[in-house]
């Protein structure tokens, strides 16, 4: 089994990683445990997920983007 590498977008300064939803909060906000960091961060849904009415539930595996400097706040861009 292979491990997925962190994808770093140098142009935007964002890191793409996988995580698991641990808690769902109102207004499209959730808490996600990032796999490689063992950190729980607050995430919000991206614009395309809101537009297509995609919602999250607990234990969903998601792909998130967060800044190099601040991993506490991130954005959910894909639900697996």
N, C-alpha and C. Protein backbone atom coordinates (compact mmCIF):
# COMPACT_ATOMS: atom_id res chain seq x y z
N UNK A 1 0.84 -1.18 0.00
CA UNK A 1 0.00 0.00 0.00
C UNK A 1 0.88 1.24 0.00
N UNK A 2 0.61 2.16 -0.85
CA UNK A 2 1.43 3.36 -0.95
C UNK A 2 0.84 4.49 -0.14
N UNK A 3 1.72 5.39 0.28
CA UNK A 3 1.27 6.56 1.03
C UNK A 3 1.14 7.73 0.07
N UNK A 4 0.12 8.52 0.27
CA UNK A 4 -0.12 9.67 -0.57
C UNK A 4 0.73 10.84 -0.08
N UNK A 5 1.43 11.50 -0.99
CA UNK A 5 2.27 12.62 -0.64
C UNK A 5 1.44 13.88 -0.47
N UNK A 6 2.01 14.83 0.26
CA UNK A 6 1.39 16.14 0.35
C UNK A 6 1.60 16.86 -0.97
N UNK A 7 0.57 17.46 -1.48
CA UNK A 7 0.69 18.25 -2.69
C UNK A 7 0.78 19.72 -2.30
N UNK A 8 1.85 20.36 -2.70
CA UNK A 8 2.05 21.77 -2.36
C UNK A 8 1.90 22.59 -3.63
N UNK A 9 0.96 23.52 -3.61
CA UNK A 9 0.74 24.43 -4.72
C UNK A 9 1.58 25.67 -4.45
N UNK A 10 2.71 25.79 -5.14
CA UNK A 10 3.63 26.89 -4.86
C UNK A 10 3.07 28.24 -5.30
N UNK A 11 2.20 28.25 -6.30
CA UNK A 11 1.66 29.51 -6.79
C UNK A 11 0.71 30.13 -5.76
N UNK A 12 -0.17 29.33 -5.18
CA UNK A 12 -1.11 29.85 -4.20
C UNK A 12 -0.60 29.72 -2.77
N UNK A 13 0.40 28.88 -2.54
CA UNK A 13 0.91 28.67 -1.20
C UNK A 13 0.01 27.80 -0.36
N UNK A 14 -0.66 26.81 -0.98
CA UNK A 14 -1.58 25.94 -0.27
C UNK A 14 -1.09 24.50 -0.29
N UNK A 15 -1.41 23.76 0.77
CA UNK A 15 -1.09 22.34 0.87
C UNK A 15 -2.39 21.56 0.77
N UNK A 16 -2.39 20.52 -0.05
CA UNK A 16 -3.56 19.65 -0.19
C UNK A 16 -3.29 18.34 0.53
N UNK A 17 -4.25 17.91 1.36
CA UNK A 17 -4.05 16.74 2.19
C UNK A 17 -5.40 16.06 2.41
N UNK A 18 -5.39 14.85 2.97
CA UNK A 18 -6.61 14.13 3.29
C UNK A 18 -6.93 14.26 4.76
N UNK A 19 -8.20 14.11 5.08
CA UNK A 19 -8.62 14.16 6.47
C UNK A 19 -9.95 13.45 6.67
N UNK A 20 -10.34 13.30 7.93
CA UNK A 20 -11.59 12.64 8.29
C UNK A 20 -12.43 13.61 9.11
N UNK A 21 -13.71 13.75 8.77
CA UNK A 21 -14.62 14.64 9.47
C UNK A 21 -14.92 14.06 10.85
N UNK A 22 -14.69 14.85 11.91
CA UNK A 22 -14.95 14.38 13.27
C UNK A 22 -16.21 15.00 13.86
N UNK A 23 -16.57 16.22 13.40
CA UNK A 23 -17.74 16.91 13.96
C UNK A 23 -18.30 17.85 12.90
N UNK A 24 -19.62 17.90 12.78
CA UNK A 24 -20.28 18.81 11.85
C UNK A 24 -20.92 19.95 12.62
N UNK A 25 -20.64 21.16 12.21
CA UNK A 25 -21.15 22.37 12.84
C UNK A 25 -22.08 23.07 11.86
N UNK A 26 -22.89 24.04 12.30
CA UNK A 26 -23.80 24.72 11.38
C UNK A 26 -23.08 25.59 10.35
N UNK A 27 -23.81 25.94 9.29
CA UNK A 27 -23.36 26.83 8.21
C UNK A 27 -22.19 26.27 7.40
N UNK A 28 -22.16 24.97 7.17
CA UNK A 28 -21.14 24.38 6.33
C UNK A 28 -19.76 24.35 6.94
N UNK A 29 -19.69 24.36 8.23
CA UNK A 29 -18.41 24.31 8.93
C UNK A 29 -18.30 22.95 9.61
N UNK A 30 -17.09 22.40 9.63
CA UNK A 30 -16.89 21.11 10.29
C UNK A 30 -15.49 21.06 10.87
N UNK A 31 -15.27 20.09 11.73
CA UNK A 31 -13.94 19.86 12.30
C UNK A 31 -13.38 18.61 11.63
N UNK A 32 -12.14 18.71 11.16
CA UNK A 32 -11.51 17.64 10.40
C UNK A 32 -10.19 17.27 11.06
N UNK A 33 -9.94 15.97 11.18
CA UNK A 33 -8.65 15.49 11.67
C UNK A 33 -7.77 15.22 10.46
N UNK A 34 -6.68 15.97 10.34
CA UNK A 34 -5.76 15.83 9.22
C UNK A 34 -4.90 14.59 9.46
N UNK A 35 -4.74 13.75 8.43
CA UNK A 35 -4.11 12.45 8.62
C UNK A 35 -2.64 12.52 9.00
N UNK A 36 -1.83 13.25 8.27
CA UNK A 36 -0.39 13.23 8.52
C UNK A 36 0.03 14.10 9.70
N UNK A 37 -0.81 15.05 10.11
CA UNK A 37 -0.43 16.01 11.13
C UNK A 37 -0.98 15.65 12.51
N UNK A 38 -2.04 14.84 12.57
CA UNK A 38 -2.74 14.52 13.82
C UNK A 38 -3.22 15.79 14.51
N UNK A 39 -3.80 16.67 13.72
CA UNK A 39 -4.28 17.96 14.20
C UNK A 39 -5.75 18.09 13.81
N UNK A 40 -6.57 18.57 14.73
CA UNK A 40 -7.97 18.82 14.40
C UNK A 40 -8.12 20.29 14.06
N UNK A 41 -8.64 20.57 12.86
CA UNK A 41 -8.76 21.95 12.42
C UNK A 41 -10.20 22.22 11.97
N UNK A 42 -10.56 23.49 11.99
CA UNK A 42 -11.89 23.93 11.58
C UNK A 42 -11.88 24.17 10.08
N UNK A 43 -12.83 23.58 9.37
CA UNK A 43 -12.88 23.68 7.91
C UNK A 43 -14.23 24.20 7.45
N UNK A 44 -14.23 24.84 6.30
CA UNK A 44 -15.46 25.30 5.68
C UNK A 44 -15.54 24.72 4.27
N UNK A 45 -16.73 24.68 3.70
CA UNK A 45 -16.93 24.10 2.38
C UNK A 45 -16.50 25.07 1.29
N UNK A 46 -15.97 24.52 0.21
CA UNK A 46 -15.59 25.36 -0.92
C UNK A 46 -16.84 25.80 -1.69
N UNK A 47 -16.68 26.73 -2.60
CA UNK A 47 -17.81 27.29 -3.35
C UNK A 47 -18.52 26.28 -4.21
N UNK A 48 -17.77 25.38 -4.86
CA UNK A 48 -18.40 24.37 -5.71
C UNK A 48 -19.20 23.37 -4.89
N UNK A 49 -18.77 23.05 -3.68
CA UNK A 49 -19.53 22.13 -2.84
C UNK A 49 -20.82 22.77 -2.37
N UNK A 50 -20.81 24.06 -2.09
CA UNK A 50 -22.02 24.77 -1.69
C UNK A 50 -22.98 24.87 -2.87
N UNK A 51 -22.43 25.19 -4.05
CA UNK A 51 -23.25 25.35 -5.24
C UNK A 51 -23.96 24.05 -5.63
N UNK A 52 -23.28 22.92 -5.46
CA UNK A 52 -23.85 21.62 -5.84
C UNK A 52 -24.55 20.91 -4.68
N UNK A 53 -24.75 21.62 -3.57
CA UNK A 53 -25.48 21.10 -2.39
C UNK A 53 -24.89 19.81 -1.85
N UNK A 54 -23.56 19.76 -1.75
CA UNK A 54 -22.88 18.60 -1.18
C UNK A 54 -22.69 18.85 0.31
N UNK A 55 -23.20 17.93 1.12
CA UNK A 55 -23.07 18.09 2.57
C UNK A 55 -22.15 17.00 3.12
N UNK A 56 -21.66 17.22 4.31
CA UNK A 56 -20.74 16.28 4.96
C UNK A 56 -21.39 15.67 6.18
N UNK A 57 -21.01 14.44 6.47
CA UNK A 57 -21.42 13.79 7.71
C UNK A 57 -20.17 13.28 8.41
N UNK A 58 -20.34 12.86 9.65
CA UNK A 58 -19.21 12.39 10.45
C UNK A 58 -18.62 11.13 9.80
N UNK A 59 -17.30 11.00 9.84
CA UNK A 59 -16.51 9.90 9.29
C UNK A 59 -16.40 9.93 7.77
N UNK A 60 -16.72 11.04 7.12
CA UNK A 60 -16.44 11.19 5.69
C UNK A 60 -14.95 11.45 5.50
N UNK A 61 -14.38 10.87 4.44
CA UNK A 61 -13.00 11.15 4.07
C UNK A 61 -13.04 12.29 3.06
N UNK A 62 -12.30 13.36 3.34
CA UNK A 62 -12.33 14.56 2.51
C UNK A 62 -10.91 14.97 2.14
N UNK A 63 -10.80 15.75 1.07
CA UNK A 63 -9.54 16.37 0.69
C UNK A 63 -9.65 17.84 1.04
N UNK A 64 -8.63 18.35 1.73
CA UNK A 64 -8.67 19.73 2.22
C UNK A 64 -7.45 20.49 1.72
N UNK A 65 -7.60 21.81 1.70
CA UNK A 65 -6.50 22.72 1.39
C UNK A 65 -6.29 23.64 2.58
N UNK A 66 -5.04 23.85 2.94
CA UNK A 66 -4.73 24.80 4.01
C UNK A 66 -3.43 25.51 3.70
N UNK A 67 -3.24 26.62 4.35
CA UNK A 67 -2.08 27.46 4.10
C UNK A 67 -0.83 26.86 4.73
N UNK A 68 0.30 27.21 4.19
CA UNK A 68 1.58 26.77 4.74
C UNK A 68 1.77 27.33 6.15
N UNK A 69 1.28 28.52 6.36
CA UNK A 69 1.52 29.22 7.62
C UNK A 69 0.47 28.94 8.68
N UNK A 70 -0.75 28.59 8.27
CA UNK A 70 -1.85 28.48 9.23
C UNK A 70 -2.68 27.23 8.92
N UNK A 71 -2.48 26.15 9.68
CA UNK A 71 -3.20 24.91 9.41
C UNK A 71 -4.45 24.75 10.27
N UNK A 72 -4.77 25.75 11.10
CA UNK A 72 -5.95 25.68 11.96
C UNK A 72 -7.25 25.88 11.16
N UNK A 73 -7.19 26.66 10.10
CA UNK A 73 -8.37 26.97 9.29
C UNK A 73 -8.10 26.44 7.88
N UNK A 74 -9.01 25.64 7.35
CA UNK A 74 -8.80 25.08 6.03
C UNK A 74 -10.12 25.01 5.26
N UNK A 75 -10.02 24.55 4.01
CA UNK A 75 -11.18 24.51 3.11
C UNK A 75 -11.34 23.10 2.57
N UNK A 76 -12.55 22.56 2.60
CA UNK A 76 -12.84 21.24 2.06
C UNK A 76 -13.11 21.40 0.56
N UNK A 77 -12.35 20.69 -0.27
CA UNK A 77 -12.53 20.84 -1.72
C UNK A 77 -13.10 19.59 -2.39
N UNK A 78 -13.08 18.43 -1.68
CA UNK A 78 -13.58 17.20 -2.30
C UNK A 78 -14.01 16.22 -1.22
N UNK A 79 -15.11 15.52 -1.47
CA UNK A 79 -15.58 14.47 -0.56
C UNK A 79 -15.47 13.13 -1.25
N UNK A 80 -14.78 12.18 -0.64
CA UNK A 80 -14.60 10.85 -1.24
C UNK A 80 -15.72 9.93 -0.87
